[in-house]
Amino acid sequence: MGDITRLRQILINLLSNAIKFTETGSIEVSVITRKNGDINHSSGATTDEIQFSIKDTGIGIPSDRLERLFKAFSQVNSSITRQYGGTGLGLAICKQLCELMGGRIWVESELSVGSTFYFTIAASVIPEQSEVQTRLIASIPEVKNYDNNANYHSPDFPKLSSERSPTAKIEPSQSFRILLTEDNLVNQKIALKQLQSLGYSADVAVNGKEALQLLEKKPYDLILMDCQMPILDGLETTKEIHRWQESNFASGRRPIVIAMTANAMKEDKQMCLDAGMDDYLSKPVMKEKLAATLEHWGSVIFKAKETAATEQTISTTDTGSVDLPIDWKHLHQISENNLEFELELLQIFVEDIQPRLEVMKIAIASDDFGQLALQAHQIKGASANMGATTMHLAAEKLEKFARNQERRGTTNLISELEEFVKRIQEFLISSQ
């Protein structure tokens, strides 16, 4: 058991670099385990060391540059930076992530022959037939596909069963608040029972008007909305929800709306979607379909909450360290509220811009206004795509100075850009 998100980030970084620097040949990924024998007495789990290696036949790294490789923004040399792009921040973050997971990272390399990056993490081994293992088996239906095709299991570990344990209770992947809007008492009872058996709970509103009143008072994340109700039906209620400002909702954001209707015609489904509903369930609602729908939208809600929490962290953090004048709403739209993608995008953004700033300094010193304008234009475009408005404006001004062959003020603008890049770097490190 370990942190899959951090592990994935390290592997993506190292494999991306291997691909980037290997024009011909191969890239080989290997994994081995070493038994440490340390026991966590509270859980009964032992802790082993897992070692990953990523071996490539790429350009290699000079021996005198290996020590500085894992320092932030440290480049092997400027020619490699120009040809392949920046690689400094990614390896620095990999080092931090490995250390956070009780491991380390190092590299062996020979110029023009290739490189092998090694890293280790400490991971708990689940005791055979433990309660934790039973829950894991019950939550991995995909294992059956591997069993049917090949033996992917190490002999040191018990083979996972593809059958769900009849006694294992599947907990909802994320907790969120549900409002059931339904006027029929029988339908209410059935829906609440299904939700309870799936591990969810819900409040009830008997019509759209009551639902709107509750949305102002309680932070609901998702509404199961009957379409035909007295006073205010589901379609009109949903339209009203979309008319509201997000500040009107107690949660601070518009909830997910899922239609529930006995009309199963294609036209009825389209009518619900046109009204602004996010999804559609036909009555009678089958428990399996309800579970799948809630699991899907639960993950969407969780990502939105995670993003909101990140924004809150940014807004309340010392402005001298990680205050980023970024249009976060724009960035969230690009990433579809995927925090991991946003962090990766910011990392690539910084690694691309860092060498450009160095090139621009050289261009100013040599009065190479053409090169200065080119690099400023590239930064301007990337900043606009990222929603980095302040940086976009600084790069735009720098490009105008270069077009007019005006040196005065260019150094200050580059300093502004460097400060911005530094803030992003600090934010990325603090987000790990």
Protein backbone atom coordinates (compact mmCIF):
# COMPACT_ATOMS: atom_id res chain seq x y z
CA MET A 1 0.00 0.00 0.00
CA GLY A 2 1.34 3.42 -0.91
CA ASP A 3 0.62 6.81 -2.44
CA ILE A 4 -0.36 6.04 -6.04
CA THR A 5 -0.60 9.72 -7.07
CA ARG A 6 2.94 10.57 -5.99
CA LEU A 7 4.31 7.35 -7.46
CA ARG A 8 2.58 8.07 -10.77
CA GLN A 9 4.03 11.60 -10.83
CA ILE A 10 7.59 10.31 -10.33
CA LEU A 11 7.22 7.67 -13.05
CA ILE A 12 5.70 10.15 -15.50
CA ASN A 13 8.57 12.59 -14.91
CA LEU A 14 11.30 9.99 -15.35
CA LEU A 15 9.69 8.27 -18.33
CA SER A 16 9.02 11.61 -20.02
CA ASN A 17 12.69 12.53 -19.68
CA ALA A 18 13.78 9.11 -20.94
CA ILE A 19 11.59 9.48 -24.03
CA LYS A 20 12.70 13.07 -24.54
CA PHE A 21 16.43 12.23 -24.50
CA THR A 22 16.32 8.88 -26.35
CA GLU A 23 16.18 9.26 -30.12
CA THR A 24 17.05 5.61 -30.90
CA GLY A 25 17.27 2.39 -28.91
CA SER A 26 15.07 1.44 -25.98
CA ILE A 27 13.68 2.38 -22.58
CA GLU A 28 13.39 -0.32 -19.94
CA VAL A 29 11.41 -0.11 -16.69
CA SER A 30 12.14 -2.61 -13.91
CA VAL A 31 10.76 -3.10 -10.41
CA ILE A 32 12.12 -5.21 -7.54
CA THR A 33 11.18 -5.54 -3.88
CA ARG A 34 13.33 -5.97 -0.80
CA LYS A 35 11.84 -7.30 2.42
CA ASN A 36 12.70 -5.10 5.39
CA GLY A 37 10.71 -6.99 8.00
CA ASP A 38 9.59 -3.86 9.89
CA ILE A 39 6.15 -4.41 11.40
CA ASN A 40 3.42 -1.85 12.07
CA HIS A 41 1.98 -3.29 15.28
CA SER A 42 -1.31 -1.40 14.96
CA SER A 43 -2.15 -2.81 11.51
CA GLY A 44 0.00 -5.96 11.42
CA ALA A 45 1.47 -4.88 8.06
CA THR A 46 5.17 -5.20 7.23
CA THR A 47 7.08 -2.50 5.37
CA ASP A 48 9.13 -3.42 2.31
CA GLU A 49 11.31 -1.36 -0.03
CA ILE A 50 10.28 -1.15 -3.69
CA GLN A 51 12.98 -0.12 -6.16
CA PHE A 52 12.15 1.20 -9.62
CA SER A 53 14.66 1.70 -12.43
CA ILE A 54 14.20 3.51 -15.73
CA LYS A 55 17.01 2.70 -18.14
CA ASP A 56 17.41 4.45 -21.50
CA THR A 57 19.88 4.45 -24.39
CA GLY A 58 19.78 8.22 -24.72
CA ILE A 59 22.36 10.98 -24.82
CA GLY A 60 23.66 10.39 -21.29
CA ILE A 61 24.84 12.90 -18.70
CA PRO A 62 28.43 14.06 -18.01
CA SER A 63 29.73 12.68 -14.70
CA ASP A 64 30.59 16.17 -13.38
CA ARG A 65 26.93 17.25 -13.76
CA LEU A 66 25.26 14.37 -11.94
CA GLU A 67 25.35 15.93 -8.46
CA ARG A 68 23.44 19.07 -9.47
CA LEU A 69 20.83 17.17 -11.50
CA PHE A 70 18.24 16.98 -8.72
CA LYS A 71 18.46 20.65 -7.76
CA ALA A 72 15.61 22.92 -8.83
CA PHE A 73 16.18 24.58 -12.22
CA SER A 74 19.61 23.00 -12.60
CA GLN A 75 20.33 22.35 -16.29
CA VAL A 76 22.98 20.00 -17.67
CA ASN A 77 24.00 22.64 -20.23
CA SER A 78 22.41 25.38 -22.30
CA SER A 79 22.61 23.52 -25.63
CA ILE A 80 20.58 20.60 -24.24
CA THR A 81 18.10 23.08 -22.80
CA ARG A 82 17.62 24.70 -26.21
CA GLN A 83 17.28 21.34 -28.00
CA TYR A 84 15.16 19.38 -25.55
CA GLY A 85 13.62 21.92 -23.14
CA GLY A 86 14.01 22.38 -19.39
CA THR A 87 14.25 19.41 -17.03
CA GLY A 88 15.30 21.00 -13.71
CA LEU A 89 12.09 21.32 -11.73
CA GLY A 90 10.75 17.84 -12.50
CA LEU A 91 13.74 15.99 -11.04
CA ALA A 92 13.84 18.24 -7.98
CA ILE A 93 10.20 17.38 -7.29
CA CYS A 94 10.90 13.67 -7.88
CA LYS A 95 13.60 13.82 -5.22
CA GLN A 96 11.22 15.44 -2.75
CA LEU A 97 8.46 12.94 -3.45
CA CYS A 98 10.79 9.96 -2.99
CA GLU A 99 12.00 11.30 0.34
CA LEU A 100 8.41 11.94 1.45
CA MET A 101 7.67 8.26 0.77
CA GLY A 102 10.68 7.04 2.75
CA GLY A 103 12.94 6.48 -0.23
CA ARG A 104 15.65 8.11 -2.33
CA ILE A 105 16.58 8.73 -5.96
CA TRP A 106 19.89 8.52 -7.83
CA VAL A 107 21.23 8.13 -11.37
CA GLU A 108 23.98 6.27 -13.19
CA SER A 109 24.90 7.59 -16.62
CA GLU A 110 27.50 7.43 -19.36
CA LEU A 111 27.73 10.12 -22.00
CA SER A 112 26.42 8.98 -25.42
CA VAL A 113 25.53 5.56 -23.95
CA GLY A 114 22.52 6.19 -21.77
CA SER A 115 21.22 6.74 -18.25
CA THR A 116 19.53 4.69 -15.55
CA PHE A 117 17.48 6.49 -12.93
CA TYR A 118 16.77 4.56 -9.74
CA PHE A 119 14.36 5.40 -6.98
CA THR A 120 12.94 3.61 -3.96
CA ILE A 121 9.85 3.97 -1.81
CA ALA A 122 8.76 2.30 1.42
CA ALA A 123 5.41 0.49 1.19
CA SER A 124 3.29 -1.54 3.58
CA VAL A 125 2.60 -5.14 2.68
CA ILE A 126 -0.92 -6.21 3.61
CA PRO A 127 -1.04 -9.42 5.67
CA GLU A 128 -2.71 -12.32 3.85
CA GLN A 129 -6.47 -12.61 4.48
CA SER A 130 -6.53 -9.32 6.37
CA GLU A 131 -9.66 -7.17 6.50
CA VAL A 132 -7.89 -4.51 4.40
CA GLN A 133 -7.04 -7.07 1.73
CA THR A 134 -10.64 -8.28 1.64
CA ARG A 135 -11.83 -4.73 0.92
CA LEU A 136 -9.22 -4.32 -1.80
CA ILE A 137 -10.24 -7.57 -3.50
CA ALA A 138 -13.86 -6.48 -3.40
CA SER A 139 -13.09 -3.18 -5.07
CA ILE A 140 -11.02 -4.38 -8.07
CA PRO A 141 -13.28 -5.96 -10.71
CA GLU A 142 -10.59 -5.48 -13.39
CA VAL A 143 -8.39 -8.22 -11.88
CA LYS A 144 -10.46 -10.87 -13.66
CA ASN A 145 -9.15 -9.69 -17.05
CA TYR A 146 -5.55 -10.18 -15.95
CA ASP A 147 -6.25 -13.64 -14.54
CA ASN A 148 -7.82 -14.77 -17.82
CA ASN A 149 -4.87 -13.66 -19.97
CA ALA A 150 -1.64 -14.03 -18.03
CA ASN A 151 -0.16 -14.47 -14.59
CA TYR A 152 0.81 -10.97 -13.48
CA HIS A 153 1.17 -11.92 -9.80
CA SER A 154 4.45 -12.20 -7.92
CA PRO A 155 4.89 -15.56 -6.14
CA ASP A 156 5.67 -13.62 -2.97
CA PHE A 157 2.13 -12.22 -2.80
CA PRO A 158 -1.26 -13.95 -2.52
CA LYS A 159 -3.13 -14.07 -5.81
CA LEU A 160 -6.09 -11.71 -5.94
CA SER A 161 -9.50 -13.18 -6.54
CA SER A 162 -11.71 -11.74 -9.24
CA GLU A 163 -14.84 -12.54 -7.25
CA ARG A 164 -16.27 -9.99 -4.86
CA SER A 165 -16.38 -11.05 -1.22
CA PRO A 166 -20.01 -11.51 -0.16
CA THR A 167 -19.28 -10.02 3.27
CA ALA A 168 -17.22 -7.03 2.11
CA LYS A 169 -19.09 -3.75 2.24
CA ILE A 170 -18.21 -1.31 -0.55
CA GLU A 171 -17.98 2.19 0.83
CA PRO A 172 -18.76 5.19 -1.43
CA SER A 173 -15.54 6.50 -2.94
CA GLN A 174 -16.24 10.01 -1.69
CA SER A 175 -18.78 11.41 0.74
CA PHE A 176 -21.10 14.18 -0.46
CA ARG A 177 -24.46 15.66 0.46
CA ILE A 178 -27.52 14.55 -1.51
CA LEU A 179 -30.95 16.16 -1.80
CA LEU A 180 -33.76 13.89 -3.01
CA THR A 181 -36.53 15.99 -4.60
CA GLU A 182 -39.55 13.70 -4.93
CA ASP A 183 -43.24 14.22 -4.09
CA ASN A 184 -44.37 10.57 -4.12
CA LEU A 185 -44.01 8.93 -0.68
CA VAL A 186 -43.51 5.43 -2.08
CA ASN A 187 -40.80 6.63 -4.46
CA GLN A 188 -39.17 8.55 -1.60
CA LYS A 189 -39.06 5.43 0.56
CA ILE A 190 -37.56 3.25 -2.18
CA ALA A 191 -34.93 5.84 -3.20
CA LEU A 192 -33.85 6.44 0.42
CA LYS A 193 -33.54 2.68 0.99
CA GLN A 194 -31.40 2.25 -2.13
CA LEU A 195 -29.17 5.13 -1.10
CA GLN A 196 -28.78 3.75 2.40
CA SER A 197 -27.81 0.31 1.12
CA LEU A 198 -25.13 1.97 -1.05
CA GLY A 199 -23.74 3.86 1.93
CA TYR A 200 -25.28 7.27 1.18
CA SER A 201 -27.83 9.40 3.02
CA ALA A 202 -30.10 12.15 1.71
CA ASP A 203 -32.51 14.88 2.74
CA VAL A 204 -35.92 15.13 1.06
CA ALA A 205 -37.78 17.99 -0.62
CA VAL A 206 -41.34 17.39 -1.86
CA ASN A 207 -41.24 19.95 -4.67
CA GLY A 208 -38.95 22.33 -6.51
CA LYS A 209 -39.80 25.35 -4.38
CA GLU A 210 -38.82 23.51 -1.20
CA ALA A 211 -35.63 22.28 -2.88
CA LEU A 212 -34.57 25.84 -3.73
CA GLN A 213 -35.19 26.94 -0.15
CA LEU A 214 -33.01 24.10 1.16
CA LEU A 215 -30.21 24.90 -1.33
CA GLU A 216 -29.90 28.34 0.27
CA LYS A 217 -29.53 26.82 3.73
CA LYS A 218 -27.53 23.60 3.30
CA PRO A 219 -24.47 22.81 1.14
CA TYR A 220 -25.82 20.07 -1.12
CA ASP A 221 -23.48 18.60 -3.73
CA LEU A 222 -26.00 16.59 -5.76
CA ILE A 223 -29.77 16.58 -6.38
CA LEU A 224 -31.82 13.58 -7.46
CA MET A 225 -34.62 15.48 -9.18
CA ASP A 226 -38.06 14.10 -10.05
CA CYS A 227 -39.33 15.84 -13.17
CA GLN A 228 -43.08 15.91 -12.46
CA MET A 229 -43.90 17.61 -9.14
CA PRO A 230 -46.55 20.08 -7.93
CA ILE A 231 -45.88 23.81 -7.34
CA LEU A 232 -42.53 23.77 -9.21
CA ASP A 233 -41.51 20.78 -11.35
CA GLY A 234 -38.00 19.43 -11.88
CA LEU A 235 -37.37 21.11 -15.22
CA GLU A 236 -38.29 24.60 -14.01
CA THR A 237 -36.39 24.06 -10.75
CA THR A 238 -33.25 23.13 -12.69
CA LYS A 239 -33.58 26.18 -14.92
CA GLU A 240 -33.88 28.36 -11.81
CA ILE A 241 -30.77 26.73 -10.33
CA HIS A 242 -28.83 27.78 -13.43
CA ARG A 243 -30.12 31.35 -13.11
CA TRP A 244 -28.69 31.65 -9.60
CA GLN A 245 -25.28 33.08 -8.87
CA GLU A 246 -22.97 30.57 -7.18
CA SER A 247 -22.99 32.74 -4.05
CA ASN A 248 -26.73 31.99 -3.68
CA PHE A 249 -25.97 28.36 -2.84
CA ALA A 250 -24.99 27.45 0.71
CA SER A 251 -22.20 25.31 -0.78
CA GLY A 252 -20.88 28.23 -2.84
CA ARG A 253 -21.30 26.31 -6.10
CA ARG A 254 -24.06 24.84 -8.28
CA PRO A 255 -24.94 21.24 -7.37
CA ILE A 256 -25.02 18.36 -9.83
CA VAL A 257 -28.62 17.70 -10.94
CA ILE A 258 -29.65 14.17 -11.95
CA ALA A 259 -33.12 13.69 -13.42
CA MET A 260 -35.38 10.85 -12.28
CA THR A 261 -38.41 10.30 -14.48
CA ALA A 262 -40.75 7.53 -15.53
CA ASN A 263 -40.68 8.83 -19.12
CA ALA A 264 -37.96 6.83 -20.83
CA MET A 265 -38.32 8.31 -24.30
CA LYS A 266 -35.27 9.80 -25.98
CA GLU A 267 -37.06 13.13 -26.33
CA ASP A 268 -37.68 13.26 -22.56
CA LYS A 269 -34.00 12.69 -21.82
CA GLN A 270 -33.04 15.50 -24.20
CA MET A 271 -35.61 17.77 -22.56
CA CYS A 272 -33.95 17.17 -19.18
CA LEU A 273 -30.47 17.87 -20.56
CA ASP A 274 -31.71 21.02 -22.32
CA ALA A 275 -33.08 22.26 -18.99
CA GLY A 276 -29.57 22.03 -17.56
CA MET A 277 -29.64 18.66 -15.83
CA ASP A 278 -26.31 16.86 -15.75
CA ASP A 279 -27.52 13.27 -16.02
CA TYR A 280 -30.63 11.12 -16.34
CA LEU A 281 -32.06 8.05 -14.56
CA SER A 282 -35.19 6.24 -15.78
CA LYS A 283 -37.76 4.97 -13.28
CA PRO A 284 -37.87 2.43 -11.87
CA VAL A 285 -34.28 3.25 -10.91
CA MET A 286 -32.15 0.11 -10.68
CA LYS A 287 -29.76 0.02 -7.74
CA GLU A 288 -26.75 -0.88 -9.90
CA LYS A 289 -27.40 2.04 -12.27
CA LEU A 290 -27.85 4.41 -9.31
CA ALA A 291 -24.58 3.21 -7.78
CA ALA A 292 -22.64 3.72 -11.02
CA THR A 293 -24.12 7.19 -11.52
CA LEU A 294 -23.33 8.31 -7.97
CA GLU A 295 -19.81 6.91 -8.19
CA HIS A 296 -19.17 8.84 -11.41
CA TRP A 297 -20.52 12.16 -10.19
CA GLY A 298 -18.98 11.61 -6.76
CA SER A 299 -15.53 11.68 -8.33
CA VAL A 300 -16.43 14.88 -10.21
CA ILE A 301 -17.65 16.49 -6.97
CA PHE A 302 -14.53 15.40 -5.12
CA LYS A 303 -12.24 16.93 -7.74
CA ALA A 304 -14.21 20.18 -7.60
CA LYS A 305 -13.89 20.28 -3.81
CA GLU A 306 -10.20 19.47 -4.02
CA THR A 307 -9.69 22.31 -6.49
CA ALA A 308 -11.67 24.71 -4.28
CA ALA A 309 -9.53 23.70 -1.30
CA THR A 310 -6.39 24.37 -3.34
CA GLU A 311 -7.68 27.81 -4.29
CA GLN A 312 -8.46 28.53 -0.65
CA THR A 313 -4.95 27.46 0.33
CA ILE A 314 -3.51 29.77 -2.31
CA SER A 315 -5.65 32.72 -1.27
CA THR A 316 -4.75 32.35 2.42
CA THR A 317 -1.05 31.64 1.97
CA ASP A 318 1.63 34.29 2.54
CA THR A 319 1.52 36.42 -0.63
CA GLY A 320 5.28 36.78 -0.55
CA SER A 321 5.79 33.06 -1.16
CA VAL A 322 3.18 31.45 -3.42
CA ASP A 323 0.73 34.20 -4.35
CA LEU A 324 -0.02 33.49 -8.01
CA PRO A 325 -1.95 36.02 -10.12
CA ILE A 326 -3.50 33.25 -12.21
CA ASP A 327 -7.05 33.07 -13.49
CA TRP A 328 -7.81 29.83 -11.64
CA LYS A 329 -11.30 29.58 -13.08
CA HIS A 330 -9.78 29.54 -16.57
CA LEU A 331 -7.22 26.91 -15.52
CA HIS A 332 -9.91 24.74 -13.94
CA GLN A 333 -11.88 24.84 -17.19
CA ILE A 334 -8.82 23.73 -19.16
CA SER A 335 -8.11 20.86 -16.75
CA GLU A 336 -11.78 19.99 -16.20
CA ASN A 337 -11.09 20.43 -12.46
CA ASN A 338 -8.25 17.88 -12.50
CA LEU A 339 -5.80 19.11 -9.86
CA GLU A 340 -3.08 16.64 -10.86
CA PHE A 341 -3.21 17.85 -14.47
CA GLU A 342 -3.02 21.48 -13.31
CA LEU A 343 0.14 20.82 -11.28
CA GLU A 344 1.70 18.98 -14.22
CA LEU A 345 0.75 21.83 -16.57
CA LEU A 346 2.27 24.44 -14.23
CA GLN A 347 5.44 22.35 -14.02
CA ILE A 348 5.77 22.12 -17.81
CA PHE A 349 4.99 25.84 -18.06
CA VAL A 350 7.86 26.72 -15.72
CA GLU A 351 10.32 24.31 -17.33
CA ASP A 352 9.59 25.78 -20.76
CA ILE A 353 9.91 29.41 -19.68
CA GLN A 354 13.05 29.16 -17.51
CA PRO A 355 15.50 28.61 -20.41
CA ARG A 356 13.69 31.27 -22.47
CA LEU A 357 14.43 33.85 -19.77
CA GLU A 358 18.13 32.98 -19.93
CA VAL A 359 18.09 33.31 -23.72
CA MET A 360 16.41 36.73 -23.41
CA LYS A 361 19.09 37.98 -21.00
CA ILE A 362 21.77 37.04 -23.51
CA ALA A 363 19.73 38.69 -26.29
CA ILE A 364 19.53 41.98 -24.36
CA ALA A 365 23.26 41.95 -23.67
CA SER A 366 24.00 41.44 -27.37
CA ASP A 367 21.24 43.76 -28.69
CA ASP A 368 19.60 40.80 -30.41
CA PHE A 369 16.10 42.30 -30.51
CA GLY A 370 14.85 39.65 -32.94
CA GLN A 371 15.60 36.84 -30.49
CA LEU A 372 14.18 38.89 -27.63
CA ALA A 373 10.91 39.47 -29.49
CA LEU A 374 10.67 35.78 -30.43
CA GLN A 375 11.06 34.52 -26.86
CA ALA A 376 8.74 37.20 -25.44
CA HIS A 377 6.11 36.23 -27.99
CA GLN A 378 6.36 32.55 -26.98
CA ILE A 379 5.97 33.41 -23.28
CA LYS A 380 3.07 35.73 -24.08
CA GLY A 381 1.16 32.97 -25.86
CA ALA A 382 1.80 30.33 -23.21
CA SER A 383 0.84 32.74 -20.42
CA ALA A 384 -2.43 33.60 -22.13
CA ASN A 385 -3.29 29.90 -22.48
CA MET A 386 -2.53 29.31 -18.80
CA GLY A 387 -4.56 32.28 -17.61
CA ALA A 388 -1.41 33.92 -16.20
CA THR A 389 -2.68 37.42 -16.95
CA THR A 390 0.05 39.42 -15.21
CA MET A 391 2.78 37.43 -16.91
CA HIS A 392 1.02 37.75 -20.27
CA LEU A 393 0.94 41.55 -19.95
CA ALA A 394 4.63 41.72 -18.98
CA ALA A 395 5.63 39.51 -21.93
CA GLU A 396 3.44 41.53 -24.29
CA LYS A 397 5.13 44.75 -23.17
CA LEU A 398 8.54 43.14 -23.53
CA GLU A 399 7.73 42.05 -27.07
CA LYS A 400 6.72 45.63 -28.00
CA PHE A 401 10.00 46.97 -26.60
CA ALA A 402 11.89 44.41 -28.67
CA ARG A 403 9.97 45.28 -31.86
CA ASN A 404 10.83 48.94 -31.29
CA GLN A 405 14.45 48.01 -30.43
CA GLU A 406 14.06 49.70 -27.06
CA ARG A 407 16.32 48.34 -24.29
CA ARG A 408 15.13 50.60 -21.48
CA GLY A 409 12.81 48.72 -19.12
CA THR A 410 13.46 45.26 -20.61
CA THR A 411 15.63 44.11 -17.70
CA ASN A 412 12.95 45.04 -15.17
CA LEU A 413 10.31 43.15 -17.14
CA ILE A 414 12.48 40.03 -17.24
CA SER A 415 12.95 40.34 -13.48
CA GLU A 416 9.16 40.42 -13.10
CA LEU A 417 8.86 37.27 -15.19
CA GLU A 418 11.58 35.55 -13.14
CA GLU A 419 9.80 36.44 -9.90
CA PHE A 420 6.58 34.97 -11.26
CA VAL A 421 8.35 31.73 -12.25
CA LYS A 422 9.89 31.54 -8.78
CA ARG A 423 6.46 31.81 -7.18
CA ILE A 424 5.11 28.97 -9.31
CA GLN A 425 8.11 26.84 -8.37
CA GLU A 426 7.53 27.47 -4.66
CA PHE A 427 3.84 26.70 -5.07
CA LEU A 428 4.58 23.40 -6.83
CA ILE A 429 7.00 22.33 -4.12
CA SER A 430 4.59 23.27 -1.34
CA SER A 431 1.77 21.36 -3.08
CA GLN A 432 3.55 18.01 -2.92
